[in-house]
Amino acid sequence: MDGQNRKHVVPGTTVDIVLKKDQKTGKLTRGIVKDILTKSGTHPHGIKVRLTDGQIGRVKEIHTP
């Protein structure tokens, strides 16, 4: 599932994000969502989140259990 809809991204979910420094390469970082930072319902580049380890990026893939 992609990370463009805020309703699909909930705290505690495992996601792959692209960090700001990795936007050119597209390198993904996996982690667990702590906070949702995007206020709008959707975002074309992915919902911005903070992971439990403090990293911030845009969600590219949501992993469902």
Protein backbone atom coordinates (compact mmCIF):
# COMPACT_ATOMS: atom_id res chain seq x y z
CA MET A 1 0.00 0.00 0.00
CA ASP A 2 1.38 3.45 -0.84
CA GLY A 3 1.75 6.20 1.73
CA GLN A 4 -0.13 9.04 0.04
CA ASN A 5 -3.32 8.79 2.14
CA ARG A 6 -3.11 9.95 5.74
CA LYS A 7 -5.91 7.60 6.84
CA HIS A 8 -3.72 4.57 5.93
CA VAL A 9 -0.77 5.74 8.06
CA VAL A 10 -1.26 5.15 11.79
CA PRO A 11 1.21 5.21 14.68
CA GLY A 12 2.70 1.76 15.31
CA THR A 13 2.64 0.77 11.62
CA THR A 14 5.82 -0.47 9.93
CA VAL A 15 6.64 1.67 6.89
CA ASP A 16 9.38 2.41 4.38
CA ILE A 17 10.24 6.10 4.15
CA VAL A 18 12.55 8.26 2.07
CA LEU A 19 14.68 10.57 4.18
CA LYS A 20 15.35 14.11 2.92
CA LYS A 21 19.02 13.26 2.30
CA ASP A 22 18.02 10.17 0.26
CA GLN A 23 15.45 11.81 -2.03
CA LYS A 24 17.79 11.86 -5.03
CA THR A 25 18.73 8.18 -4.71
CA GLY A 26 15.34 6.93 -3.50
CA LYS A 27 16.96 4.83 -0.74
CA LEU A 28 14.29 3.53 1.64
CA THR A 29 14.52 3.36 5.42
CA ARG A 30 12.26 0.98 7.35
CA GLY A 31 10.83 1.86 10.73
CA ILE A 32 7.77 2.18 12.94
CA VAL A 33 5.62 5.33 12.82
CA LYS A 34 5.67 7.40 16.01
CA ASP A 35 4.07 10.67 14.82
CA ILE A 36 2.27 11.82 11.67
CA LEU A 37 3.54 15.26 10.63
CA THR A 38 1.45 15.94 7.50
CA LYS A 39 -1.84 17.68 8.35
CA SER A 40 -3.60 17.26 4.98
CA GLY A 41 -5.52 14.11 4.07
CA THR A 42 -3.30 13.25 1.11
CA HIS A 43 0.11 14.24 -0.25
CA PRO A 44 1.48 13.32 -3.70
CA HIS A 45 5.00 12.62 -2.38
CA GLY A 46 3.85 10.64 0.67
CA ILE A 47 2.73 11.49 4.18
CA LYS A 48 5.55 12.90 6.32
CA VAL A 49 6.13 10.94 9.53
CA ARG A 50 8.56 10.67 12.44
CA LEU A 51 9.76 7.16 13.20
CA THR A 52 10.30 5.79 16.72
CA ASP A 53 14.08 6.31 16.26
CA GLY A 54 13.53 10.02 15.46
CA GLN A 55 14.11 9.94 11.70
CA ILE A 56 11.72 12.01 9.56
CA GLY A 57 10.70 11.25 6.00
CA ARG A 58 7.88 10.62 3.56
CA VAL A 59 6.09 7.26 3.49
CA LYS A 60 6.58 5.30 0.27
CA GLU A 61 5.28 1.87 1.37
CA ILE A 62 3.09 0.66 4.22
CA HIS A 63 3.62 -2.89 5.51
CA THR A 64 0.44 -4.52 6.78
CA PRO A 65 0.72 -7.35 9.29
